[in-house]
């Protein structure tokens, strides 16, 4: 494996990890917007929406760089320069490493989402029984989606790797 392939793998794994952060950050910002009264139209509401759009744009930009424009990022940052040895003695295919990373990250998402889903569901039924009204269920939906995404990353890691590496399928299969 070359130094360039190592950096490509590392940056793409980091991009996959950032997807987890993106999935958890957006619902938190949306719940923040629900506490701001849009009828007042004070200085807080437009700035909160601008901050939300800025963060979403920044996440999308970074994800695009880390997952689809990895070679450009390596060239700009000169990550493959200055190493004494040109190759790293590692006999695992590029796609196998990305697949393992996708499975591990999917497992982390699943393990993080499942207990929270169970807790939110339990609280939902407990509050419904005690208060007799329909409590907030957004977090149940969020954690169920997070759990399903983790499960799908675990079971469909090859499809995710093909999607991530769709631009250069033959170049990245070196050992």
N, C-alpha and C. Protein backbone atom coordinates (compact mmCIF):
# COMPACT_ATOMS: atom_id res chain seq x y z
N UNK A 1 0.85 -1.17 0.00
CA UNK A 1 0.00 0.00 0.00
C UNK A 1 0.90 1.24 0.00
N UNK A 2 0.56 2.19 -0.84
CA UNK A 2 1.36 3.40 -0.90
C UNK A 2 0.90 4.39 0.18
N UNK A 3 1.72 5.40 0.40
CA UNK A 3 1.38 6.44 1.37
C UNK A 3 0.10 7.17 0.92
N UNK A 4 -0.02 7.40 -0.36
CA UNK A 4 -1.20 8.07 -0.90
C UNK A 4 -2.47 7.25 -0.64
N UNK A 5 -2.39 5.93 -0.81
CA UNK A 5 -3.54 5.07 -0.55
C UNK A 5 -3.90 5.10 0.93
N UNK A 6 -2.89 5.11 1.78
CA UNK A 6 -3.14 5.21 3.22
C UNK A 6 -3.91 6.48 3.56
N UNK A 7 -3.47 7.61 3.03
CA UNK A 7 -4.14 8.87 3.31
C UNK A 7 -5.55 8.89 2.71
N UNK A 8 -5.72 8.29 1.56
CA UNK A 8 -7.05 8.20 0.95
C UNK A 8 -7.99 7.42 1.85
N UNK A 9 -7.53 6.29 2.34
CA UNK A 9 -8.35 5.47 3.24
C UNK A 9 -8.66 6.23 4.53
N UNK A 10 -7.66 6.86 5.10
CA UNK A 10 -7.83 7.58 6.36
C UNK A 10 -8.84 8.72 6.22
N UNK A 11 -8.73 9.49 5.15
CA UNK A 11 -9.64 10.62 4.95
C UNK A 11 -11.06 10.14 4.67
N UNK A 12 -11.21 9.07 3.92
CA UNK A 12 -12.56 8.56 3.65
C UNK A 12 -13.19 7.97 4.92
N UNK A 13 -12.41 7.32 5.74
CA UNK A 13 -12.93 6.82 7.03
C UNK A 13 -13.35 8.00 7.90
N UNK A 14 -12.56 9.05 7.92
CA UNK A 14 -12.92 10.25 8.66
C UNK A 14 -14.20 10.87 8.12
N UNK A 15 -14.38 10.85 6.79
CA UNK A 15 -15.61 11.35 6.19
C UNK A 15 -16.82 10.53 6.59
N UNK A 16 -16.67 9.22 6.65
CA UNK A 16 -17.78 8.35 7.09
C UNK A 16 -18.12 8.65 8.55
N UNK A 17 -17.10 8.89 9.36
CA UNK A 17 -17.33 9.21 10.76
C UNK A 17 -18.05 10.56 10.90
N UNK A 18 -17.74 11.50 10.04
CA UNK A 18 -18.41 12.80 10.08
C UNK A 18 -19.88 12.69 9.73
N UNK A 19 -20.25 11.68 8.96
CA UNK A 19 -21.67 11.48 8.65
C UNK A 19 -22.45 11.22 9.94
N UNK A 20 -21.86 10.47 10.87
CA UNK A 20 -22.50 10.25 12.17
C UNK A 20 -22.71 11.58 12.88
N UNK A 21 -21.72 12.42 12.86
CA UNK A 21 -21.83 13.73 13.50
C UNK A 21 -22.91 14.56 12.82
N UNK A 22 -22.98 14.49 11.51
CA UNK A 22 -23.98 15.23 10.75
C UNK A 22 -25.38 14.75 11.09
N UNK A 23 -25.54 13.44 11.23
CA UNK A 23 -26.85 12.87 11.53
C UNK A 23 -27.34 13.33 12.90
N UNK A 24 -26.45 13.47 13.86
CA UNK A 24 -26.86 13.86 15.20
C UNK A 24 -26.94 15.37 15.39
N UNK A 25 -26.24 16.16 14.60
CA UNK A 25 -26.24 17.61 14.79
C UNK A 25 -27.50 18.27 14.24
N UNK A 26 -27.97 17.82 13.11
CA UNK A 26 -29.11 18.47 12.45
C UNK A 26 -30.38 18.42 13.31
N UNK A 27 -30.78 17.26 13.87
CA UNK A 27 -31.98 17.27 14.72
C UNK A 27 -31.85 18.17 15.94
N UNK A 28 -30.64 18.31 16.47
CA UNK A 28 -30.46 19.19 17.62
C UNK A 28 -30.69 20.65 17.23
N UNK A 29 -30.23 21.03 16.05
CA UNK A 29 -30.48 22.40 15.61
C UNK A 29 -31.95 22.62 15.28
N UNK A 30 -32.59 21.61 14.71
CA UNK A 30 -34.01 21.76 14.42
C UNK A 30 -34.83 21.87 15.70
N UNK A 31 -34.44 21.14 16.74
CA UNK A 31 -35.16 21.27 18.01
C UNK A 31 -34.90 22.63 18.64
N UNK A 32 -33.72 23.19 18.39
CA UNK A 32 -33.42 24.53 18.88
C UNK A 32 -34.36 25.55 18.21
N UNK A 33 -34.62 25.37 16.92
CA UNK A 33 -35.50 26.30 16.21
C UNK A 33 -36.94 26.23 16.72
N UNK A 34 -37.33 25.09 17.27
CA UNK A 34 -38.70 24.98 17.76
C UNK A 34 -38.93 25.82 19.02
N UNK A 35 -37.87 26.19 19.72
CA UNK A 35 -37.99 27.00 20.93
C UNK A 35 -38.01 28.50 20.63
N UNK A 36 -37.67 28.88 19.42
CA UNK A 36 -37.67 30.29 19.05
C UNK A 36 -39.02 30.62 18.42
N UNK A 37 -39.63 31.67 18.89
CA UNK A 37 -40.95 32.06 18.39
C UNK A 37 -40.80 32.85 17.09
N UNK A 38 -41.27 32.29 15.95
CA UNK A 38 -41.11 33.01 14.69
C UNK A 38 -42.00 34.23 14.57
N UNK A 39 -43.04 34.33 15.41
CA UNK A 39 -43.93 35.49 15.35
C UNK A 39 -43.25 36.76 15.85
N UNK A 40 -42.33 36.59 16.76
CA UNK A 40 -41.62 37.76 17.28
C UNK A 40 -40.64 38.31 16.25
N UNK A 41 -40.07 37.43 15.45
CA UNK A 41 -39.08 37.81 14.44
C UNK A 41 -38.00 38.72 15.01
N UNK A 42 -37.59 38.40 16.18
CA UNK A 42 -36.52 39.17 16.81
C UNK A 42 -35.18 38.83 16.19
N UNK A 43 -34.12 39.32 16.75
CA UNK A 43 -32.79 39.07 16.18
C UNK A 43 -32.34 37.62 16.32
N UNK A 44 -32.97 36.86 17.20
CA UNK A 44 -32.54 35.48 17.42
C UNK A 44 -32.95 34.53 16.33
N UNK A 45 -34.13 34.73 15.76
CA UNK A 45 -34.65 33.77 14.79
C UNK A 45 -33.88 33.78 13.47
N UNK A 46 -33.67 34.90 12.81
CA UNK A 46 -32.90 34.88 11.56
C UNK A 46 -31.45 34.43 11.76
N UNK A 47 -30.87 34.81 12.89
CA UNK A 47 -29.49 34.39 13.12
C UNK A 47 -29.41 32.89 13.39
N UNK A 48 -30.42 32.32 14.03
CA UNK A 48 -30.44 30.87 14.27
C UNK A 48 -30.61 30.11 12.96
N UNK A 49 -31.47 30.60 12.08
CA UNK A 49 -31.65 29.95 10.78
C UNK A 49 -30.38 30.09 9.95
N UNK A 50 -29.75 31.26 9.98
CA UNK A 50 -28.51 31.46 9.24
C UNK A 50 -27.42 30.53 9.77
N UNK A 51 -27.35 30.37 11.08
CA UNK A 51 -26.36 29.47 11.67
C UNK A 51 -26.63 28.03 11.26
N UNK A 52 -27.88 27.62 11.27
CA UNK A 52 -28.25 26.27 10.86
C UNK A 52 -27.87 26.02 9.41
N UNK A 53 -28.19 26.95 8.52
CA UNK A 53 -27.85 26.79 7.10
C UNK A 53 -26.34 26.81 6.88
N UNK A 54 -25.63 27.62 7.63
CA UNK A 54 -24.17 27.65 7.53
C UNK A 54 -23.55 26.33 7.95
N UNK A 55 -24.04 25.77 9.04
CA UNK A 55 -23.50 24.51 9.52
C UNK A 55 -23.84 23.37 8.58
N UNK A 56 -25.06 23.35 8.06
CA UNK A 56 -25.43 22.32 7.09
C UNK A 56 -24.55 22.42 5.85
N UNK A 57 -24.35 23.64 5.35
CA UNK A 57 -23.48 23.85 4.19
C UNK A 57 -22.05 23.43 4.46
N UNK A 58 -21.55 23.74 5.65
CA UNK A 58 -20.18 23.36 6.02
C UNK A 58 -20.04 21.84 6.09
N UNK A 59 -21.00 21.17 6.69
CA UNK A 59 -20.97 19.71 6.75
C UNK A 59 -20.98 19.09 5.35
N UNK A 60 -21.86 19.59 4.51
CA UNK A 60 -21.94 19.04 3.15
C UNK A 60 -20.64 19.28 2.39
N UNK A 61 -20.06 20.46 2.55
CA UNK A 61 -18.79 20.76 1.89
C UNK A 61 -17.67 19.84 2.38
N UNK A 62 -17.57 19.67 3.68
CA UNK A 62 -16.51 18.80 4.24
C UNK A 62 -16.74 17.35 3.85
N UNK A 63 -17.99 16.89 3.90
CA UNK A 63 -18.27 15.51 3.49
C UNK A 63 -17.93 15.29 2.03
N UNK A 64 -18.25 16.25 1.19
CA UNK A 64 -17.92 16.13 -0.24
C UNK A 64 -16.41 16.07 -0.44
N UNK A 65 -15.69 16.91 0.29
CA UNK A 65 -14.23 16.89 0.19
C UNK A 65 -13.66 15.56 0.68
N UNK A 66 -14.09 15.13 1.84
CA UNK A 66 -13.51 13.94 2.47
C UNK A 66 -13.89 12.66 1.75
N UNK A 67 -15.07 12.58 1.16
CA UNK A 67 -15.50 11.32 0.56
C UNK A 67 -15.27 11.28 -0.94
N UNK A 68 -15.56 12.36 -1.64
CA UNK A 68 -15.50 12.32 -3.10
C UNK A 68 -14.31 13.06 -3.71
N UNK A 69 -13.70 13.96 -3.00
CA UNK A 69 -12.58 14.74 -3.53
C UNK A 69 -11.30 14.49 -2.72
N UNK A 70 -11.09 13.24 -2.36
CA UNK A 70 -9.96 12.90 -1.51
C UNK A 70 -8.62 13.15 -2.19
N UNK A 71 -8.50 12.81 -3.46
CA UNK A 71 -7.24 13.01 -4.18
C UNK A 71 -6.88 14.49 -4.24
N UNK A 72 -7.86 15.33 -4.49
CA UNK A 72 -7.61 16.77 -4.53
C UNK A 72 -7.15 17.28 -3.17
N UNK A 73 -7.76 16.78 -2.09
CA UNK A 73 -7.40 17.19 -0.74
C UNK A 73 -5.97 16.74 -0.40
N UNK A 74 -5.60 15.55 -0.81
CA UNK A 74 -4.24 15.05 -0.57
C UNK A 74 -3.22 15.90 -1.34
N UNK A 75 -3.55 16.27 -2.57
CA UNK A 75 -2.65 17.10 -3.36
C UNK A 75 -2.49 18.50 -2.76
N UNK A 76 -3.58 19.11 -2.34
CA UNK A 76 -3.53 20.46 -1.78
C UNK A 76 -2.75 20.49 -0.47
N UNK A 77 -2.98 19.51 0.39
CA UNK A 77 -2.32 19.48 1.70
C UNK A 77 -0.94 18.82 1.67
N UNK A 78 -0.55 18.26 0.52
CA UNK A 78 0.75 17.58 0.34
C UNK A 78 0.97 16.50 1.40
N UNK A 79 -0.06 15.70 1.62
CA UNK A 79 0.01 14.66 2.65
C UNK A 79 0.92 13.50 2.28
N UNK A 80 1.11 13.27 0.99
CA UNK A 80 1.94 12.14 0.58
C UNK A 80 3.39 12.52 0.34
N UNK A 81 3.78 13.72 0.69
CA UNK A 81 5.16 14.18 0.50
C UNK A 81 5.94 14.08 1.80
N UNK A 82 7.23 13.89 1.70
CA UNK A 82 8.11 13.92 2.86
C UNK A 82 8.29 12.60 3.58
N UNK A 83 7.82 11.51 3.02
CA UNK A 83 8.00 10.21 3.65
C UNK A 83 9.23 9.54 3.06
N UNK A 84 10.00 8.88 3.88
CA UNK A 84 11.21 8.22 3.42
C UNK A 84 10.85 7.01 2.56
N UNK A 85 9.94 6.20 3.05
CA UNK A 85 9.52 5.01 2.30
C UNK A 85 8.27 5.33 1.51
N UNK A 86 8.18 4.79 0.32
CA UNK A 86 7.04 5.04 -0.57
C UNK A 86 5.88 4.09 -0.30
N UNK A 87 6.17 2.91 0.25
CA UNK A 87 5.12 1.91 0.46
C UNK A 87 5.05 1.53 1.93
N UNK A 88 3.83 1.16 2.33
CA UNK A 88 3.58 0.63 3.67
C UNK A 88 3.30 -0.85 3.51
N UNK A 89 3.95 -1.67 4.31
CA UNK A 89 3.78 -3.12 4.19
C UNK A 89 2.47 -3.55 4.84
N UNK A 90 1.40 -3.49 4.05
CA UNK A 90 0.08 -3.89 4.50
C UNK A 90 -0.61 -4.55 3.32
N UNK A 91 -0.92 -5.82 3.44
CA UNK A 91 -1.46 -6.58 2.32
C UNK A 91 -2.98 -6.74 2.40
N UNK A 92 -3.66 -5.64 2.57
CA UNK A 92 -5.12 -5.65 2.60
C UNK A 92 -5.60 -4.70 1.51
N UNK A 93 -6.64 -5.12 0.80
CA UNK A 93 -7.17 -4.28 -0.27
C UNK A 93 -7.80 -3.01 0.31
N UNK A 94 -7.75 -1.99 -0.50
CA UNK A 94 -8.34 -0.69 -0.17
C UNK A 94 -9.82 -0.83 0.15
N UNK A 95 -10.54 -1.56 -0.67
CA UNK A 95 -11.98 -1.72 -0.47
C UNK A 95 -12.29 -2.51 0.81
N UNK A 96 -11.41 -3.43 1.17
CA UNK A 96 -11.62 -4.21 2.40
C UNK A 96 -11.48 -3.33 3.63
N UNK A 97 -10.51 -2.44 3.62
CA UNK A 97 -10.32 -1.53 4.75
C UNK A 97 -11.52 -0.59 4.87
N UNK A 98 -11.97 -0.05 3.75
CA UNK A 98 -13.15 0.82 3.79
C UNK A 98 -14.39 0.05 4.25
N UNK A 99 -14.51 -1.19 3.84
CA UNK A 99 -15.64 -2.01 4.26
C UNK A 99 -15.60 -2.26 5.77
N UNK A 100 -14.43 -2.57 6.29
CA UNK A 100 -14.29 -2.78 7.74
C UNK A 100 -14.61 -1.50 8.50
N UNK A 101 -14.12 -0.37 7.99
CA UNK A 101 -14.40 0.91 8.65
C UNK A 101 -15.90 1.23 8.63
N UNK A 102 -16.55 0.93 7.52
CA UNK A 102 -17.99 1.17 7.42
C UNK A 102 -18.76 0.29 8.39
N UNK A 103 -18.35 -0.95 8.53
CA UNK A 103 -19.00 -1.86 9.48
C UNK A 103 -18.80 -1.38 10.92
N UNK A 104 -17.58 -0.95 11.25
CA UNK A 104 -17.30 -0.48 12.61
C UNK A 104 -18.09 0.79 12.91
N UNK A 105 -18.11 1.72 11.98
CA UNK A 105 -18.85 2.96 12.20
C UNK A 105 -20.35 2.68 12.26
N UNK A 106 -20.85 1.81 11.41
CA UNK A 106 -22.25 1.41 11.48
C UNK A 106 -22.58 0.76 12.81
N UNK A 107 -21.66 -0.05 13.31
CA UNK A 107 -21.85 -0.67 14.62
C UNK A 107 -21.90 0.36 15.74
N UNK A 108 -21.04 1.38 15.65
CA UNK A 108 -21.05 2.43 16.66
C UNK A 108 -22.36 3.23 16.61
N UNK A 109 -22.83 3.50 15.40
CA UNK A 109 -24.10 4.22 15.26
C UNK A 109 -25.24 3.37 15.82
N UNK A 110 -25.24 2.08 15.50
CA UNK A 110 -26.28 1.17 15.97
C UNK A 110 -26.25 1.06 17.49
N UNK A 111 -25.07 0.88 18.05
CA UNK A 111 -24.93 0.72 19.50
C UNK A 111 -25.28 2.02 20.22
N UNK A 112 -25.04 3.15 19.60
CA UNK A 112 -25.40 4.43 20.20
C UNK A 112 -26.90 4.69 20.08
N UNK A 113 -27.52 4.29 18.97
CA UNK A 113 -28.92 4.61 18.74
C UNK A 113 -29.92 3.68 19.39
N UNK A 114 -29.61 2.39 19.48
CA UNK A 114 -30.57 1.42 19.99
C UNK A 114 -30.96 1.66 21.46
N UNK A 115 -30.01 1.86 22.38
CA UNK A 115 -30.44 2.13 23.76
C UNK A 115 -31.23 3.43 23.90
N UNK A 116 -30.83 4.44 23.14
CA UNK A 116 -31.56 5.71 23.20
C UNK A 116 -32.97 5.55 22.63
N UNK A 117 -33.11 4.72 21.59
CA UNK A 117 -34.44 4.44 21.04
C UNK A 117 -35.31 3.74 22.08
N UNK A 118 -34.74 2.74 22.75
CA UNK A 118 -35.50 2.02 23.78
C UNK A 118 -35.89 2.97 24.92
N UNK A 119 -34.97 3.83 25.34
CA UNK A 119 -35.24 4.79 26.41
C UNK A 119 -36.33 5.78 26.01
N UNK A 120 -36.24 6.31 24.79
CA UNK A 120 -37.24 7.27 24.33
C UNK A 120 -38.61 6.62 24.19
N UNK A 121 -38.65 5.38 23.72
CA UNK A 121 -39.92 4.66 23.59
C UNK A 121 -40.52 4.40 24.97
N UNK A 122 -39.69 3.98 25.90
CA UNK A 122 -40.17 3.75 27.27
C UNK A 122 -40.72 5.04 27.88
N UNK A 123 -39.98 6.14 27.73
CA UNK A 123 -40.45 7.42 28.26
C UNK A 123 -41.76 7.87 27.60
N UNK A 124 -41.88 7.60 26.30
CA UNK A 124 -43.11 7.96 25.57
C UNK A 124 -44.32 7.27 26.19
N UNK A 125 -44.22 5.96 26.38
CA UNK A 125 -45.35 5.22 26.93
C UNK A 125 -45.58 5.55 28.40
N UNK A 126 -44.52 5.82 29.13
CA UNK A 126 -44.67 6.17 30.53
C UNK A 126 -45.36 7.53 30.68
N UNK A 127 -44.98 8.51 29.88
CA UNK A 127 -45.61 9.82 29.95
C UNK A 127 -47.05 9.79 29.44
N UNK A 128 -47.29 8.97 28.45
CA UNK A 128 -48.64 8.85 27.90
C UNK A 128 -49.58 8.27 28.97
N UNK A 129 -49.09 7.31 29.73
CA UNK A 129 -49.92 6.69 30.76
C UNK A 129 -50.12 7.65 31.94
N UNK A 130 -49.07 8.39 32.32
CA UNK A 130 -49.16 9.26 33.48
C UNK A 130 -49.96 10.52 33.16
N UNK A 131 -49.63 11.17 32.05
CA UNK A 131 -50.26 12.45 31.74
C UNK A 131 -51.50 12.33 30.87
N UNK A 132 -51.68 11.21 30.20
CA UNK A 132 -52.86 10.99 29.39
C UNK A 132 -52.89 11.77 28.09
N UNK A 133 -51.82 12.35 27.72
CA UNK A 133 -51.77 13.09 26.46
C UNK A 133 -50.64 12.53 25.61
N UNK A 134 -50.57 12.98 24.38
CA UNK A 134 -49.57 12.48 23.46
C UNK A 134 -48.28 13.28 23.61
N UNK A 135 -47.26 12.75 24.26
CA UNK A 135 -46.02 13.50 24.43
C UNK A 135 -45.22 13.59 23.13
N UNK A 136 -44.16 14.34 23.20
CA UNK A 136 -43.28 14.54 22.04
C UNK A 136 -42.68 13.23 21.57
N UNK A 137 -42.78 12.96 20.29
CA UNK A 137 -42.26 11.69 19.77
C UNK A 137 -41.17 11.88 18.73
N UNK A 138 -40.63 13.09 18.58
CA UNK A 138 -39.61 13.32 17.57
C UNK A 138 -38.34 12.52 17.85
N UNK A 139 -38.00 12.40 19.13
CA UNK A 139 -36.77 11.68 19.46
C UNK A 139 -36.89 10.19 19.20
N UNK A 140 -38.09 9.65 19.32
CA UNK A 140 -38.30 8.24 18.98
C UNK A 140 -38.01 8.04 17.49
N UNK A 141 -38.51 8.93 16.67
CA UNK A 141 -38.27 8.85 15.23
C UNK A 141 -36.79 9.01 14.93
N UNK A 142 -36.15 9.99 15.57
CA UNK A 142 -34.73 10.23 15.34
C UNK A 142 -33.89 9.01 15.70
N UNK A 143 -34.10 8.46 16.88
CA UNK A 143 -33.29 7.31 17.31
C UNK A 143 -33.61 6.05 16.51
N UNK A 144 -34.86 5.90 16.07
CA UNK A 144 -35.15 4.73 15.23
C UNK A 144 -34.46 4.86 13.88
N UNK A 145 -34.46 6.07 13.31
CA UNK A 145 -33.75 6.28 12.04
C UNK A 145 -32.25 6.06 12.23
N UNK A 146 -31.70 6.54 13.33
CA UNK A 146 -30.28 6.36 13.61
C UNK A 146 -29.93 4.87 13.75
N UNK A 147 -30.79 4.12 14.43
CA UNK A 147 -30.56 2.69 14.59
C UNK A 147 -30.64 1.96 13.25
N UNK A 148 -31.61 2.33 12.44
CA UNK A 148 -31.76 1.70 11.12
C UNK A 148 -30.57 2.04 10.23
N UNK A 149 -30.10 3.28 10.27
CA UNK A 149 -28.92 3.66 9.47
C UNK A 149 -27.70 2.86 9.91
N UNK A 150 -27.51 2.69 11.22
CA UNK A 150 -26.40 1.88 11.71
C UNK A 150 -26.51 0.44 11.23
N UNK A 151 -27.70 -0.12 11.29
CA UNK A 151 -27.92 -1.48 10.83
C UNK A 151 -27.65 -1.61 9.33
N UNK A 152 -28.13 -0.63 8.56
CA UNK A 152 -27.91 -0.67 7.12
C UNK A 152 -26.44 -0.51 6.76
N UNK A 153 -25.70 0.30 7.52
CA UNK A 153 -24.26 0.42 7.27
C UNK A 153 -23.55 -0.90 7.55
N UNK A 154 -23.99 -1.60 8.57
CA UNK A 154 -23.36 -2.89 8.89
C UNK A 154 -23.65 -3.92 7.80
N UNK A 155 -24.91 -4.00 7.39
CA UNK A 155 -25.29 -5.06 6.46
C UNK A 155 -24.99 -4.74 5.00
N UNK A 156 -24.88 -3.47 4.65
CA UNK A 156 -24.65 -3.09 3.26
C UNK A 156 -23.33 -2.35 3.08
N UNK A 157 -22.30 -2.79 3.76
CA UNK A 157 -21.02 -2.08 3.71
C UNK A 157 -20.41 -2.09 2.31
N UNK A 158 -20.59 -3.16 1.57
CA UNK A 158 -20.03 -3.22 0.21
C UNK A 158 -20.69 -2.20 -0.70
N UNK A 159 -21.99 -2.01 -0.57
CA UNK A 159 -22.69 -1.01 -1.38
C UNK A 159 -22.23 0.40 -1.03
N UNK A 160 -22.01 0.64 0.27
CA UNK A 160 -21.52 1.95 0.70
C UNK A 160 -20.13 2.21 0.15
N UNK A 161 -19.27 1.20 0.18
CA UNK A 161 -17.91 1.35 -0.36
C UNK A 161 -17.96 1.61 -1.86
N UNK A 162 -18.82 0.91 -2.57
CA UNK A 162 -18.95 1.16 -4.02
C UNK A 162 -19.44 2.57 -4.29
N UNK A 163 -20.37 3.06 -3.48
CA UNK A 163 -20.86 4.42 -3.65
C UNK A 163 -19.77 5.45 -3.35
N UNK A 164 -19.02 5.23 -2.29
CA UNK A 164 -17.95 6.16 -1.93
C UNK A 164 -16.86 6.18 -2.98
N UNK A 165 -16.56 5.03 -3.53
CA UNK A 165 -15.44 4.89 -4.44
C UNK A 165 -15.89 4.80 -5.89
N UNK A 166 -17.00 5.38 -6.22
CA UNK A 166 -17.55 5.24 -7.57
C UNK A 166 -16.77 6.01 -8.63
N UNK A 167 -15.96 6.97 -8.27
CA UNK A 167 -15.26 7.77 -9.26
C UNK A 167 -14.04 7.07 -9.83
N UNK A 168 -13.32 6.31 -9.00
CA UNK A 168 -12.13 5.62 -9.47
C UNK A 168 -12.14 4.17 -9.00
N UNK A 169 -12.95 3.29 -9.58
CA UNK A 169 -13.06 1.93 -9.05
C UNK A 169 -11.83 1.07 -9.28
N UNK A 170 -11.06 1.28 -10.32
CA UNK A 170 -9.94 0.39 -10.61
C UNK A 170 -8.64 0.85 -9.93
N UNK A 171 -8.48 2.15 -9.72
CA UNK A 171 -7.24 2.66 -9.17
C UNK A 171 -7.05 2.28 -7.71
N UNK A 172 -8.14 2.17 -6.96
CA UNK A 172 -8.04 2.00 -5.52
C UNK A 172 -8.00 0.55 -5.06
N UNK A 173 -7.93 -0.41 -5.93
CA UNK A 173 -7.88 -1.81 -5.52
C UNK A 173 -6.46 -2.33 -5.40
N UNK A 174 -5.49 -1.45 -5.25
CA UNK A 174 -4.10 -1.91 -5.13
C UNK A 174 -3.87 -2.41 -3.71
N UNK A 175 -2.85 -3.23 -3.58
CA UNK A 175 -2.56 -3.82 -2.27
C UNK A 175 -1.51 -3.03 -1.55
